[in-house]
Amino acid sequence: MEQQATEQKKKSPVRIIILIIVLLVGGYFLYQKINFSLTHETTDNAQIEAQITPVLPRVSGYVKNITVKDYDSVKTGDLVVELDDAELQSQLDEMDADYRQSQVDIVNAKASLNNALVSLKVNKGNIDLSRVKLQQATENLQRDKSLYASEAITKKQLDDTRYAYETAQKQLDNSNNDLSSAESRISVLQSSVQKTEAALQVKQAKIEQQKLKISYTKIYAPQAGKIGKKNVSEGQFVQAGTPLFSIVNDSAYWIVANFKENQLHALTPGKKVDVRVDAYPDLKITGTVASLSEATGAKFALLPPDNSSGNFVKVTQRLPVKIWIDDVEKYKNLLRAGLSVFVVANNK
């Protein structure tokens, strides 16, 4: 009896049925997987991207105040960091005093030029007077020569007239020399006025530049978004151009997926793709192919491969593909730059 029960159990079709069901289910899923791989192109070499703008000081100084905390939201133009401007303000005060001194120097230079112009008029008047005296001395000499020839005057009287003539001539020469000197001095004084005015303009430009530097001590958010991790604290000395923190634009996200070169036939601008975010596996997101890079990722590497070097090994290259996220406003509170995603594109 026991032997017959054992033989019946062996001949029972349950095990065969279970095996057939397992094979059918396994075959179905295998078919689905093979069919999916034949009709779709996928990659998990993709991540979410966003515009990240670093906040940099344009002048060096000590941090006086920080108005934001890690991961705070900011708007464009919000004050985020303030540097101590006491030293710059002191320099500005000194520049203002120097500027006022230069204004006084211009007044003095113009006054000296005015005096020289008045002196020039006097010199010209002296020349006219010397010419009149020379004309008079010339006529007297000619007349006394005639009188001396007719023995109407003495030799001493003629000599006195001649000496008066020569004196008048020398006075005219001296007046002309004084005029030339005065004209040269006017040119020098005019140059001095121009030089002082130019120096004043330079100092004015430096004052404006200093005011601009003081305005740079207040650092404003260059774009709206969320603050990343801060790399600065109050009281810290920062150099111009040192990154303080970054602002992530939380209103615009996209995906950069690196597809293999043999998958590109399925990717054209405007094509719809399915996106799965690793952080939210149940979230169904679709995207639209925006553009394909003009070069493979290897070409942007620090040391790009050179096949002409004789060490050629064929490696499948990847091309960055930019994908816009559909209805990004709906998911922007969940998305974060750098999150890994899985992209599926139908190759039909």
C-alpha atoms as a PDB file:
ATOM      1  CA  MET A   1       0.000   0.000   0.000  1.00  0.00           C
ATOM      2  CA  GLU A   2       2.750   2.441   0.857  1.00  0.00           C
ATOM      3  CA  GLN A   3       4.528   1.641  -2.391  1.00  0.00           C
ATOM      4  CA  GLN A   4       1.386   2.364  -4.409  1.00  0.00           C
ATOM      5  CA  ALA A   5       0.899   5.746  -2.616  1.00  0.00           C
ATOM      6  CA  THR A   6       4.443   6.681  -3.389  1.00  0.00           C
ATOM      7  CA  GLU A   7       4.058   5.839  -7.062  1.00  0.00           C
ATOM      8  CA  GLN A   8       0.821   7.869  -7.290  1.00  0.00           C
ATOM      9  CA  LYS A   9       2.528  10.814  -5.645  1.00  0.00           C
ATOM     10  CA  LYS A  10       5.328  10.661  -8.170  1.00  0.00           C
ATOM     11  CA  LYS A  11       2.828  10.569 -11.013  1.00  0.00           C
ATOM     12  CA  SER A  12       0.909  13.607  -9.576  1.00  0.00           C
ATOM     13  CA  PRO A  13       0.701  16.445 -12.161  1.00  0.00           C
ATOM     14  CA  VAL A  14       0.946  19.264  -9.528  1.00  0.00           C
ATOM     15  CA  ARG A  15       4.667  19.573  -9.741  1.00  0.00           C
ATOM     16  CA  ILE A  16       4.573  19.594 -13.504  1.00  0.00           C
ATOM     17  CA  ILE A  17       1.881  22.268 -13.499  1.00  0.00           C
ATOM     18  CA  ILE A  18       3.859  24.457 -11.085  1.00  0.00           C
ATOM     19  CA  LEU A  19       6.969  24.063 -13.194  1.00  0.00           C
ATOM     20  CA  ILE A  20       5.057  24.974 -16.341  1.00  0.00           C
ATOM     21  CA  ILE A  21       3.568  28.059 -14.640  1.00  0.00           C
ATOM     22  CA  VAL A  22       7.009  29.179 -13.438  1.00  0.00           C
ATOM     23  CA  LEU A  23       8.428  28.708 -16.925  1.00  0.00           C
ATOM     24  CA  LEU A  24       5.559  30.622 -18.485  1.00  0.00           C
ATOM     25  CA  VAL A  25       5.823  33.521 -16.021  1.00  0.00           C
ATOM     26  CA  GLY A  26       9.586  33.592 -16.388  1.00  0.00           C
ATOM     27  CA  GLY A  27       9.261  33.465 -20.166  1.00  0.00           C
ATOM     28  CA  TYR A  28       6.727  36.286 -20.107  1.00  0.00           C
ATOM     29  CA  PHE A  29       8.953  38.570 -18.043  1.00  0.00           C
ATOM     30  CA  LEU A  30      11.967  37.623 -20.129  1.00  0.00           C
ATOM     31  CA  TYR A  31      10.005  38.456 -23.280  1.00  0.00           C
ATOM     32  CA  GLN A  32       8.923  41.765 -21.780  1.00  0.00           C
ATOM     33  CA  LYS A  33      12.502  42.619 -20.866  1.00  0.00           C
ATOM     34  CA  ILE A  34      13.890  41.642 -24.251  1.00  0.00           C
ATOM     35  CA  ASN A  35      11.091  43.491 -26.053  1.00  0.00           C
ATOM     36  CA  PHE A  36      11.661  46.565 -23.849  1.00  0.00           C
ATOM     37  CA  SER A  37      15.403  46.547 -24.538  1.00  0.00           C
ATOM     38  CA  LEU A  38      14.758  46.245 -28.275  1.00  0.00           C
ATOM     39  CA  THR A  39      12.238  49.104 -28.407  1.00  0.00           C
ATOM     40  CA  HIS A  40      13.743  51.518 -25.855  1.00  0.00           C
ATOM     41  CA  GLU A  41      17.053  53.200 -25.131  1.00  0.00           C
ATOM     42  CA  THR A  42      17.900  53.763 -21.469  1.00  0.00           C
ATOM     43  CA  THR A  43      20.662  55.221 -19.340  1.00  0.00           C
ATOM     44  CA  ASP A  44      21.242  55.714 -15.655  1.00  0.00           C
ATOM     45  CA  ASN A  45      24.214  58.011 -16.359  1.00  0.00           C
ATOM     46  CA  ALA A  46      22.094  61.105 -15.845  1.00  0.00           C
ATOM     47  CA  GLN A  47      21.399  63.699 -13.201  1.00  0.00           C
ATOM     48  CA  ILE A  48      19.316  66.780 -12.534  1.00  0.00           C
ATOM     49  CA  GLU A  49      21.002  70.106 -13.267  1.00  0.00           C
ATOM     50  CA  ALA A  50      20.221  73.685 -12.210  1.00  0.00           C
ATOM     51  CA  GLN A  51      21.822  77.085 -12.542  1.00  0.00           C
ATOM     52  CA  ILE A  52      24.237  77.529  -9.632  1.00  0.00           C
ATOM     53  CA  THR A  53      25.660  81.037  -9.228  1.00  0.00           C
ATOM     54  CA  PRO A  54      28.547  81.653  -6.826  1.00  0.00           C
ATOM     55  CA  VAL A  55      28.419  84.730  -4.582  1.00  0.00           C
ATOM     56  CA  LEU A  56      31.803  86.481  -4.736  1.00  0.00           C
ATOM     57  CA  PRO A  57      33.010  89.679  -3.037  1.00  0.00           C
ATOM     58  CA  ARG A  58      34.465  92.314  -5.378  1.00  0.00           C
ATOM     59  CA  VAL A  59      36.633  93.858  -2.655  1.00  0.00           C
ATOM     60  CA  SER A  60      38.628  92.405   0.228  1.00  0.00           C
ATOM     61  CA  GLY A  61      37.615  93.019   3.821  1.00  0.00           C
ATOM     62  CA  TYR A  62      36.329  91.650   7.100  1.00  0.00           C
ATOM     63  CA  VAL A  63      32.812  90.209   7.150  1.00  0.00           C
ATOM     64  CA  LYS A  64      30.623  92.513   9.222  1.00  0.00           C
ATOM     65  CA  ASN A  65      27.242  90.876   8.876  1.00  0.00           C
ATOM     66  CA  ILE A  66      25.638  87.826   7.225  1.00  0.00           C
ATOM     67  CA  THR A  67      21.891  88.054   6.703  1.00  0.00           C
ATOM     68  CA  VAL A  68      21.252  84.499   5.452  1.00  0.00           C
ATOM     69  CA  LYS A  69      21.622  80.977   6.785  1.00  0.00           C
ATOM     70  CA  ASP A  70      22.325  77.664   5.108  1.00  0.00           C
ATOM     71  CA  TYR A  71      19.639  76.709   2.567  1.00  0.00           C
ATOM     72  CA  ASP A  72      17.665  79.964   3.023  1.00  0.00           C
ATOM     73  CA  SER A  73      15.556  81.236   0.138  1.00  0.00           C
ATOM     74  CA  VAL A  74      16.506  84.621  -1.311  1.00  0.00           C
ATOM     75  CA  LYS A  75      15.249  86.961  -3.999  1.00  0.00           C
ATOM     76  CA  THR A  76      17.301  88.802  -6.583  1.00  0.00           C
ATOM     77  CA  GLY A  77      18.837  91.909  -5.001  1.00  0.00           C
ATOM     78  CA  ASP A  78      18.504  90.769  -1.376  1.00  0.00           C
ATOM     79  CA  LEU A  79      21.385  91.814   0.899  1.00  0.00           C
ATOM     80  CA  VAL A  80      23.208  88.628   1.883  1.00  0.00           C
ATOM     81  CA  VAL A  81      26.628  89.740   3.213  1.00  0.00           C
ATOM     82  CA  GLU A  82      28.035  93.077   4.402  1.00  0.00           C
ATOM     83  CA  LEU A  83      31.770  93.793   4.724  1.00  0.00           C
ATOM     84  CA  ASP A  84      33.327  96.312   7.102  1.00  0.00           C
ATOM     85  CA  ASP A  85      33.822  99.564   5.146  1.00  0.00           C
ATOM     86  CA  ALA A  86      35.447 101.680   7.908  1.00  0.00           C
ATOM     87  CA  GLU A  87      38.895 101.628   6.296  1.00  0.00           C
ATOM     88  CA  LEU A  88      37.542 102.401   2.852  1.00  0.00           C
ATOM     89  CA  GLN A  89      35.443 105.231   4.287  1.00  0.00           C
ATOM     90  CA  SER A  90      38.528 106.695   5.981  1.00  0.00           C
ATOM     91  CA  GLN A  91      40.388 106.588   2.672  1.00  0.00           C
ATOM     92  CA  LEU A  92      37.444 108.344   1.022  1.00  0.00           C
ATOM     93  CA  ASP A  93      37.568 111.140   3.620  1.00  0.00           C
ATOM     94  CA  GLU A  94      41.265 111.605   2.915  1.00  0.00           C
ATOM     95  CA  MET A  95      40.575 111.722  -0.831  1.00  0.00           C
ATOM     96  CA  ASP A  96      37.854 114.335  -0.271  1.00  0.00           C
ATOM     97  CA  ALA A  97      40.288 116.535   1.681  1.00  0.00           C
ATOM     98  CA  ASP A  98      42.909 116.153  -1.042  1.00  0.00           C
ATOM     99  CA  TYR A  99      40.271 117.028  -3.632  1.00  0.00           C
ATOM    100  CA  ARG A 100      39.348 120.244  -1.800  1.00  0.00           C
ATOM    101  CA  GLN A 101      43.064 121.129  -1.594  1.00  0.00           C
ATOM    102  CA  SER A 102      43.326 120.686  -5.352  1.00  0.00           C
ATOM    103  CA  GLN A 103      40.377 123.017  -5.823  1.00  0.00           C
ATOM    104  CA  VAL A 104      42.271 125.658  -3.820  1.00  0.00           C
ATOM    105  CA  ASP A 105      45.362 125.020  -5.959  1.00  0.00           C
ATOM    106  CA  ILE A 106      43.309 125.701  -9.084  1.00  0.00           C
ATOM    107  CA  VAL A 107      42.074 128.989  -7.640  1.00  0.00           C
ATOM    108  CA  ASN A 108      45.673 129.998  -6.842  1.00  0.00           C
ATOM    109  CA  ALA A 109      46.888 128.954 -10.294  1.00  0.00           C
ATOM    110  CA  LYS A 110      44.138 130.968 -11.977  1.00  0.00           C
ATOM    111  CA  ALA A 111      44.917 133.976  -9.771  1.00  0.00           C
ATOM    112  CA  SER A 112      48.593 133.780 -10.744  1.00  0.00           C
ATOM    113  CA  LEU A 113      47.570 133.578 -14.403  1.00  0.00           C
ATOM    114  CA  ASN A 114      45.328 136.617 -13.919  1.00  0.00           C
ATOM    115  CA  ASN A 115      48.189 138.591 -12.377  1.00  0.00           C
ATOM    116  CA  ALA A 116      50.444 137.619 -15.267  1.00  0.00           C
ATOM    117  CA  LEU A 117      47.820 138.796 -17.771  1.00  0.00           C
ATOM    118  CA  VAL A 118      47.600 142.138 -15.959  1.00  0.00           C
ATOM    119  CA  SER A 119      51.394 142.376 -15.986  1.00  0.00           C
ATOM    120  CA  LEU A 120      51.340 141.634 -19.693  1.00  0.00           C
ATOM    121  CA  LYS A 121      49.065 144.596 -20.265  1.00  0.00           C
ATOM    122  CA  VAL A 122      51.460 146.755 -18.237  1.00  0.00           C
ATOM    123  CA  ASN A 123      54.401 145.484 -20.303  1.00  0.00           C
ATOM    124  CA  LYS A 124      52.578 146.306 -23.511  1.00  0.00           C
ATOM    125  CA  GLY A 125      51.853 149.795 -22.142  1.00  0.00           C
ATOM    126  CA  ASN A 126      55.554 150.214 -21.235  1.00  0.00           C
ATOM    127  CA  ILE A 127      56.491 149.261 -24.782  1.00  0.00           C
ATOM    128  CA  ASP A 128      54.166 151.920 -26.182  1.00  0.00           C
ATOM    129  CA  LEU A 129      55.650 154.472 -23.778  1.00  0.00           C
ATOM    130  CA  SER A 130      59.210 153.420 -24.694  1.00  0.00           C
ATOM    131  CA  ARG A 131      58.390 153.781 -28.360  1.00  0.00           C
ATOM    132  CA  VAL A 132      57.074 157.295 -27.779  1.00  0.00           C
ATOM    133  CA  LYS A 133      60.227 158.185 -25.830  1.00  0.00           C
ATOM    134  CA  LEU A 134      62.408 156.661 -28.555  1.00  0.00           C
ATOM    135  CA  GLN A 135      60.525 158.646 -31.212  1.00  0.00           C
ATOM    136  CA  GLN A 136      61.050 161.808 -29.200  1.00  0.00           C
ATOM    137  CA  ALA A 137      64.742 161.013 -28.652  1.00  0.00           C
ATOM    138  CA  THR A 138      65.184 160.311 -32.380  1.00  0.00           C
ATOM    139  CA  GLU A 139      63.645 163.649 -33.365  1.00  0.00           C
ATOM    140  CA  ASN A 140      65.727 165.489 -30.740  1.00  0.00           C
ATOM    141  CA  LEU A 141      68.913 163.858 -32.011  1.00  0.00           C
ATOM    142  CA  GLN A 142      68.192 164.762 -35.618  1.00  0.00           C
ATOM    143  CA  ARG A 143      67.350 168.340 -34.649  1.00  0.00           C
ATOM    144  CA  ASP A 144      70.477 168.718 -32.428  1.00  0.00           C
ATOM    145  CA  LYS A 145      72.659 167.355 -35.201  1.00  0.00           C
ATOM    146  CA  SER A 146      71.405 170.118 -37.468  1.00  0.00           C
ATOM    147  CA  LEU A 147      71.907 172.701 -34.717  1.00  0.00           C
ATOM    148  CA  TYR A 148      75.374 171.413 -33.986  1.00  0.00           C
ATOM    149  CA  ALA A 149      76.247 171.611 -37.673  1.00  0.00           C
ATOM    150  CA  SER A 150      75.208 175.281 -37.656  1.00  0.00           C
ATOM    151  CA  GLU A 151      77.125 175.712 -34.367  1.00  0.00           C
ATOM    152  CA  ALA A 152      73.919 176.666 -32.573  1.00  0.00           C
ATOM    153  CA  ILE A 153      74.587 174.198 -29.722  1.00  0.00           C
ATOM    154  CA  THR A 154      77.637 172.791 -28.047  1.00  0.00           C
ATOM    155  CA  LYS A 155      79.190 169.351 -28.470  1.00  0.00           C
ATOM    156  CA  LYS A 156      78.059 168.424 -24.925  1.00  0.00           C
ATOM    157  CA  GLN A 157      74.439 169.197 -25.745  1.00  0.00           C
ATOM    158  CA  LEU A 158      74.644 166.917 -28.808  1.00  0.00           C
ATOM    159  CA  ASP A 159      76.230 164.169 -26.727  1.00  0.00           C
ATOM    160  CA  ASP A 160      73.478 164.468 -24.122  1.00  0.00           C
ATOM    161  CA  THR A 161      70.845 164.134 -26.840  1.00  0.00           C
ATOM    162  CA  ARG A 162      72.665 161.097 -28.292  1.00  0.00           C
ATOM    163  CA  TYR A 163      72.836 159.467 -24.828  1.00  0.00           C
ATOM    164  CA  ALA A 164      69.109 160.120 -24.337  1.00  0.00           C
ATOM    165  CA  TYR A 165      68.410 158.457 -27.690  1.00  0.00           C
ATOM    166  CA  GLU A 166      70.489 155.384 -26.836  1.00  0.00           C
ATOM    167  CA  THR A 167      68.804 155.153 -23.404  1.00  0.00           C
ATOM    168  CA  ALA A 168      65.366 155.271 -25.007  1.00  0.00           C
ATOM    169  CA  GLN A 169      66.408 152.552 -27.441  1.00  0.00           C
ATOM    170  CA  LYS A 170      67.673 150.326 -24.621  1.00  0.00           C
ATOM    171  CA  GLN A 171      64.487 150.897 -22.649  1.00  0.00           C
ATOM    172  CA  LEU A 172      62.443 149.744 -25.670  1.00  0.00           C
ATOM    173  CA  ASP A 173      64.609 146.622 -25.992  1.00  0.00           C
ATOM    174  CA  ASN A 174      64.177 145.910 -22.296  1.00  0.00           C
ATOM    175  CA  SER A 175      60.398 146.386 -22.566  1.00  0.00           C
ATOM    176  CA  ASN A 176      60.292 143.938 -25.492  1.00  0.00           C
ATOM    177  CA  ASN A 177      62.301 141.430 -23.460  1.00  0.00           C
ATOM    178  CA  ASP A 178      59.946 141.895 -20.517  1.00  0.00           C
ATOM    179  CA  LEU A 179      57.006 141.282 -22.850  1.00  0.00           C
ATOM    180  CA  SER A 180      58.540 138.032 -24.162  1.00  0.00           C
ATOM    181  CA  SER A 181      59.230 136.914 -20.600  1.00  0.00           C
ATOM    182  CA  ALA A 182      55.670 137.751 -19.552  1.00  0.00           C
ATOM    183  CA  GLU A 183      54.233 135.849 -22.529  1.00  0.00           C
ATOM    184  CA  SER A 184      56.375 132.801 -21.667  1.00  0.00           C
ATOM    185  CA  ARG A 185      55.298 133.020 -18.033  1.00  0.00           C
ATOM    186  CA  ILE A 186      51.654 133.126 -19.136  1.00  0.00           C
ATOM    187  CA  SER A 187      52.158 129.938 -21.150  1.00  0.00           C
ATOM    188  CA  VAL A 188      53.705 128.278 -18.097  1.00  0.00           C
ATOM    189  CA  LEU A 189      50.855 129.440 -15.861  1.00  0.00           C
ATOM    190  CA  GLN A 190      48.236 128.305 -18.378  1.00  0.00           C
ATOM    191  CA  SER A 191      49.890 124.860 -18.449  1.00  0.00           C
ATOM    192  CA  SER A 192      49.921 124.873 -14.662  1.00  0.00           C
ATOM    193  CA  VAL A 193      46.188 125.617 -14.567  1.00  0.00           C
ATOM    194  CA  GLN A 194      45.485 122.818 -17.062  1.00  0.00           C
ATOM    195  CA  LYS A 195      47.695 120.418 -15.116  1.00  0.00           C
ATOM    196  CA  THR A 196      45.956 121.272 -11.842  1.00  0.00           C
ATOM    197  CA  GLU A 197      42.529 120.848 -13.446  1.00  0.00           C
ATOM    198  CA  ALA A 198      43.583 117.480 -14.890  1.00  0.00           C
ATOM    199  CA  ALA A 199      44.867 116.400 -11.468  1.00  0.00           C
ATOM    200  CA  LEU A 200      41.510 117.446 -10.003  1.00  0.00           C
ATOM    201  CA  GLN A 201      39.696 115.267 -12.536  1.00  0.00           C
ATOM    202  CA  VAL A 202      41.946 112.312 -11.664  1.00  0.00           C
ATOM    203  CA  LYS A 203      41.187 112.776  -7.967  1.00  0.00           C
ATOM    204  CA  GLN A 204      37.485 113.056  -8.731  1.00  0.00           C
ATOM    205  CA  ALA A 205      37.681 109.767 -10.664  1.00  0.00           C
ATOM    206  CA  LYS A 206      39.501 108.130  -7.737  1.00  0.00           C
ATOM    207  CA  ILE A 207      36.804 109.366  -5.362  1.00  0.00           C
ATOM    208  CA  GLU A 208      34.099 107.846  -7.583  1.00  0.00           C
ATOM    209  CA  GLN A 209      36.083 104.623  -7.733  1.00  0.00           C
ATOM    210  CA  GLN A 210      36.403 104.606  -3.949  1.00  0.00           C
ATOM    211  CA  LYS A 211      32.670 105.160  -3.569  1.00  0.00           C
ATOM    212  CA  LEU A 212      32.153 102.220  -5.928  1.00  0.00           C
ATOM    213  CA  LYS A 213      34.412 100.065  -3.750  1.00  0.00           C
ATOM    214  CA  ILE A 214      32.422 101.076  -0.673  1.00  0.00           C
ATOM    215  CA  SER A 215      29.215 100.071  -2.463  1.00  0.00           C
ATOM    216  CA  TYR A 216      30.814  96.676  -3.146  1.00  0.00           C
ATOM    217  CA  THR A 217      31.027  96.025   0.611  1.00  0.00           C
ATOM    218  CA  LYS A 218      27.302  95.285   0.453  1.00  0.00           C
ATOM    219  CA  ILE A 219      26.885  91.998  -1.412  1.00  0.00           C
ATOM    220  CA  TYR A 220      23.482  91.275  -2.937  1.00  0.00           C
ATOM    221  CA  ALA A 221      21.987  88.065  -4.284  1.00  0.00           C
ATOM    222  CA  PRO A 222      22.666  87.887  -8.050  1.00  0.00           C
ATOM    223  CA  GLN A 223      19.643  85.648  -8.604  1.00  0.00           C
ATOM    224  CA  ALA A 224      16.660  84.192  -6.794  1.00  0.00           C
ATOM    225  CA  GLY A 225      16.962  80.729  -5.317  1.00  0.00           C
ATOM    226  CA  LYS A 226      18.227  78.871  -2.298  1.00  0.00           C
ATOM    227  CA  ILE A 227      21.517  79.351  -0.479  1.00  0.00           C
ATOM    228  CA  GLY A 228      23.919  76.421  -0.469  1.00  0.00           C
ATOM    229  CA  LYS A 229      26.371  75.700   2.318  1.00  0.00           C
ATOM    230  CA  LYS A 230      28.091  78.866   3.558  1.00  0.00           C
ATOM    231  CA  ASN A 231      31.879  79.053   3.466  1.00  0.00           C
ATOM    232  CA  VAL A 232      32.121  82.262   5.478  1.00  0.00           C
ATOM    233  CA  SER A 233      31.459  83.486   9.005  1.00  0.00           C
ATOM    234  CA  GLU A 234      31.265  86.911  10.641  1.00  0.00           C
ATOM    235  CA  GLY A 235      34.643  88.451  11.448  1.00  0.00           C
ATOM    236  CA  GLN A 236      36.396  86.439   8.767  1.00  0.00           C
ATOM    237  CA  PHE A 237      38.721  88.233   6.326  1.00  0.00           C
ATOM    238  CA  VAL A 238      37.839  87.445   2.721  1.00  0.00           C
ATOM    239  CA  GLN A 239      39.768  88.195  -0.437  1.00  0.00           C
ATOM    240  CA  ALA A 240      38.133  89.628  -3.540  1.00  0.00           C
ATOM    241  CA  GLY A 241      36.860  86.801  -5.709  1.00  0.00           C
ATOM    242  CA  THR A 242      36.711  84.225  -2.889  1.00  0.00           C
ATOM    243  CA  PRO A 243      33.491  82.139  -3.145  1.00  0.00           C
ATOM    244  CA  LEU A 244      31.350  82.761  -0.057  1.00  0.00           C
ATOM    245  CA  PHE A 245      28.523  80.405  -1.014  1.00  0.00           C
ATOM    246  CA  SER A 246      26.376  79.567  -4.007  1.00  0.00           C
ATOM    247  CA  ILE A 247      22.750  80.237  -4.895  1.00  0.00           C
ATOM    248  CA  VAL A 248      20.826  77.475  -6.640  1.00  0.00           C
ATOM    249  CA  ASN A 249      18.073  78.681  -8.946  1.00  0.00           C
ATOM    250  CA  ASP A 250      15.113  76.621  -7.731  1.00  0.00           C
ATOM    251  CA  SER A 251      12.749  77.696 -10.508  1.00  0.00           C
ATOM    252  CA  ALA A 252      14.502  75.993 -13.439  1.00  0.00           C
ATOM    253  CA  TYR A 253      15.668  72.388 -13.543  1.00  0.00           C
ATOM    254  CA  TRP A 254      16.738  70.193 -16.420  1.00  0.00           C
ATOM    255  CA  ILE A 255      18.435  66.846 -16.952  1.00  0.00           C
ATOM    256  CA  VAL A 256      21.743  66.035 -18.587  1.00  0.00           C
ATOM    257  CA  ALA A 257      21.772  62.384 -19.675  1.00  0.00           C
ATOM    258  CA  ASN A 258      24.924  60.815 -21.107  1.00  0.00           C
ATOM    259  CA  PHE A 259      23.729  58.339 -23.737  1.00  0.00           C
ATOM    260  CA  LYS A 260      26.035  55.969 -25.589  1.00  0.00           C
ATOM    261  CA  GLU A 261      26.802  56.867 -29.175  1.00  0.00           C
ATOM    262  CA  ASN A 262      24.920  53.823 -30.473  1.00  0.00           C
ATOM    263  CA  GLN A 263      21.748  55.062 -28.713  1.00  0.00           C
ATOM    264  CA  LEU A 264      21.605  58.479 -30.348  1.00  0.00           C
ATOM    265  CA  HIS A 265      19.396  57.364 -33.241  1.00  0.00           C
ATOM    266  CA  ALA A 266      16.480  57.358 -30.785  1.00  0.00           C
ATOM    267  CA  LEU A 267      17.106  60.893 -29.545  1.00  0.00           C
ATOM    268  CA  THR A 268      16.035  63.949 -31.498  1.00  0.00           C
ATOM    269  CA  PRO A 269      15.110  67.439 -30.226  1.00  0.00           C
ATOM    270  CA  GLY A 270      11.457  67.536 -29.204  1.00  0.00           C
ATOM    271  CA  LYS A 271      11.178  63.828 -28.435  1.00  0.00           C
ATOM    272  CA  LYS A 272       9.400  62.787 -25.229  1.00  0.00           C
ATOM    273  CA  VAL A 273      11.212  60.619 -22.687  1.00  0.00           C
ATOM    274  CA  ASP A 274      10.296  59.038 -19.367  1.00  0.00           C
ATOM    275  CA  VAL A 275      12.269  59.987 -16.286  1.00  0.00           C
ATOM    276  CA  ARG A 276      12.567  58.134 -12.987  1.00  0.00           C
ATOM    277  CA  VAL A 277      14.205  59.919 -10.065  1.00  0.00           C
ATOM    278  CA  ASP A 278      16.107  57.536  -7.813  1.00  0.00           C
ATOM    279  CA  ALA A 279      15.082  59.548  -4.747  1.00  0.00           C
ATOM    280  CA  TYR A 280      11.375  59.231  -5.658  1.00  0.00           C
ATOM    281  CA  PRO A 281      10.914  55.883  -7.461  1.00  0.00           C
ATOM    282  CA  ASP A 282       7.106  56.217  -7.514  1.00  0.00           C
ATOM    283  CA  LEU A 283       7.218  59.676  -9.104  1.00  0.00           C
ATOM    284  CA  LYS A 284       6.313  59.615 -12.796  1.00  0.00           C
ATOM    285  CA  ILE A 285       7.992  62.427 -14.716  1.00  0.00           C
ATOM    286  CA  THR A 286       8.234  63.045 -18.430  1.00  0.00           C
ATOM    287  CA  GLY A 287      10.730  65.176 -20.275  1.00  0.00           C
ATOM    288  CA  THR A 288      11.468  66.630 -23.705  1.00  0.00           C
ATOM    289  CA  VAL A 289      14.816  66.370 -25.467  1.00  0.00           C
ATOM    290  CA  ALA A 290      16.093  69.923 -25.846  1.00  0.00           C
ATOM    291  CA  SER A 291      19.445  69.471 -27.592  1.00  0.00           C
ATOM    292  CA  LEU A 292      22.440  67.230 -28.057  1.00  0.00           C
ATOM    293  CA  SER A 293      25.992  68.291 -27.307  1.00  0.00           C
ATOM    294  CA  GLU A 294      28.294  69.051 -30.226  1.00  0.00           C
ATOM    295  CA  ALA A 295      31.057  66.930 -28.677  1.00  0.00           C
ATOM    296  CA  THR A 296      31.366  63.826 -26.559  1.00  0.00           C
ATOM    297  CA  GLY A 297      32.130  64.073 -22.869  1.00  0.00           C
ATOM    298  CA  ALA A 298      35.687  62.825 -23.485  1.00  0.00           C
ATOM    299  CA  LYS A 299      36.443  65.899 -25.580  1.00  0.00           C
ATOM    300  CA  PHE A 300      35.755  68.142 -22.575  1.00  0.00           C
ATOM    301  CA  ALA A 301      38.085  66.153 -20.334  1.00  0.00           C
ATOM    302  CA  LEU A 302      41.253  67.744 -18.973  1.00  0.00           C
ATOM    303  CA  LEU A 303      43.314  65.238 -20.958  1.00  0.00           C
ATOM    304  CA  PRO A 304      41.177  64.201 -23.946  1.00  0.00           C
ATOM    305  CA  PRO A 305      42.131  60.912 -25.644  1.00  0.00           C
ATOM    306  CA  ASP A 306      44.307  61.180 -28.741  1.00  0.00           C
ATOM    307  CA  ASN A 307      43.798  58.267 -31.106  1.00  0.00           C
ATOM    308  CA  SER A 308      46.747  59.340 -33.235  1.00  0.00           C
ATOM    309  CA  SER A 309      49.198  58.473 -30.458  1.00  0.00           C
ATOM    310  CA  GLY A 310      49.238  54.806 -31.457  1.00  0.00           C
ATOM    311  CA  ASN A 311      47.496  53.561 -28.316  1.00  0.00           C
ATOM    312  CA  PHE A 312      44.052  53.327 -29.873  1.00  0.00           C
ATOM    313  CA  VAL A 313      41.483  51.259 -27.999  1.00  0.00           C
ATOM    314  CA  LYS A 314      37.914  51.605 -29.176  1.00  0.00           C
ATOM    315  CA  VAL A 315      35.657  52.655 -26.288  1.00  0.00           C
ATOM    316  CA  THR A 316      31.987  53.453 -26.677  1.00  0.00           C
ATOM    317  CA  GLN A 317      31.671  57.188 -26.214  1.00  0.00           C
ATOM    318  CA  ARG A 318      28.871  59.024 -24.435  1.00  0.00           C
ATOM    319  CA  LEU A 319      27.212  62.220 -25.614  1.00  0.00           C
ATOM    320  CA  PRO A 320      25.519  64.656 -23.181  1.00  0.00           C
ATOM    321  CA  VAL A 321      21.837  65.173 -23.992  1.00  0.00           C
ATOM    322  CA  LYS A 322      19.918  68.061 -22.442  1.00  0.00           C
ATOM    323  CA  ILE A 323      16.333  67.235 -21.422  1.00  0.00           C
ATOM    324  CA  TRP A 324      13.726  69.718 -20.221  1.00  0.00           C
ATOM    325  CA  ILE A 325      11.467  68.479 -17.436  1.00  0.00           C
ATOM    326  CA  ASP A 326       7.773  68.761 -18.296  1.00  0.00           C
ATOM    327  CA  ASP A 327       5.641  70.624 -15.710  1.00  0.00           C
ATOM    328  CA  VAL A 328       8.753  71.493 -13.715  1.00  0.00           C
ATOM    329  CA  GLU A 329       6.722  73.840 -11.481  1.00  0.00           C
ATOM    330  CA  LYS A 330       4.806  70.821 -10.244  1.00  0.00           C
ATOM    331  CA  TYR A 331       7.955  69.054  -9.040  1.00  0.00           C
ATOM    332  CA  LYS A 332      10.329  71.898  -8.148  1.00  0.00           C
ATOM    333  CA  ASN A 333       9.792  71.404  -4.401  1.00  0.00           C
ATOM    334  CA  LEU A 334      11.041  67.822  -4.755  1.00  0.00           C
ATOM    335  CA  LEU A 335      13.807  68.189  -7.309  1.00  0.00           C
ATOM    336  CA  ARG A 336      17.372  68.973  -6.316  1.00  0.00           C
ATOM    337  CA  ALA A 337      20.422  69.579  -8.474  1.00  0.00           C
ATOM    338  CA  GLY A 338      22.666  66.526  -8.627  1.00  0.00           C
ATOM    339  CA  LEU A 339      19.987  63.864  -8.002  1.00  0.00           C
ATOM    340  CA  SER A 340      20.483  60.719 -10.089  1.00  0.00           C
ATOM    341  CA  VAL A 341      17.792  59.818 -12.613  1.00  0.00           C
ATOM    342  CA  PHE A 342      17.008  56.971 -15.015  1.00  0.00           C
ATOM    343  CA  VAL A 343      15.972  58.057 -18.519  1.00  0.00           C
ATOM    344  CA  VAL A 344      13.986  55.932 -20.977  1.00  0.00           C
ATOM    345  CA  ALA A 345      13.526  56.894 -24.632  1.00  0.00           C
ATOM    346  CA  ASN A 346      11.409  54.993 -27.156  1.00  0.00           C
ATOM    347  CA  ASN A 347      13.535  54.240 -30.221  1.00  0.00           C
ATOM    348  CA  LYS A 348      10.597  54.195 -32.625  1.00  0.00           C
END
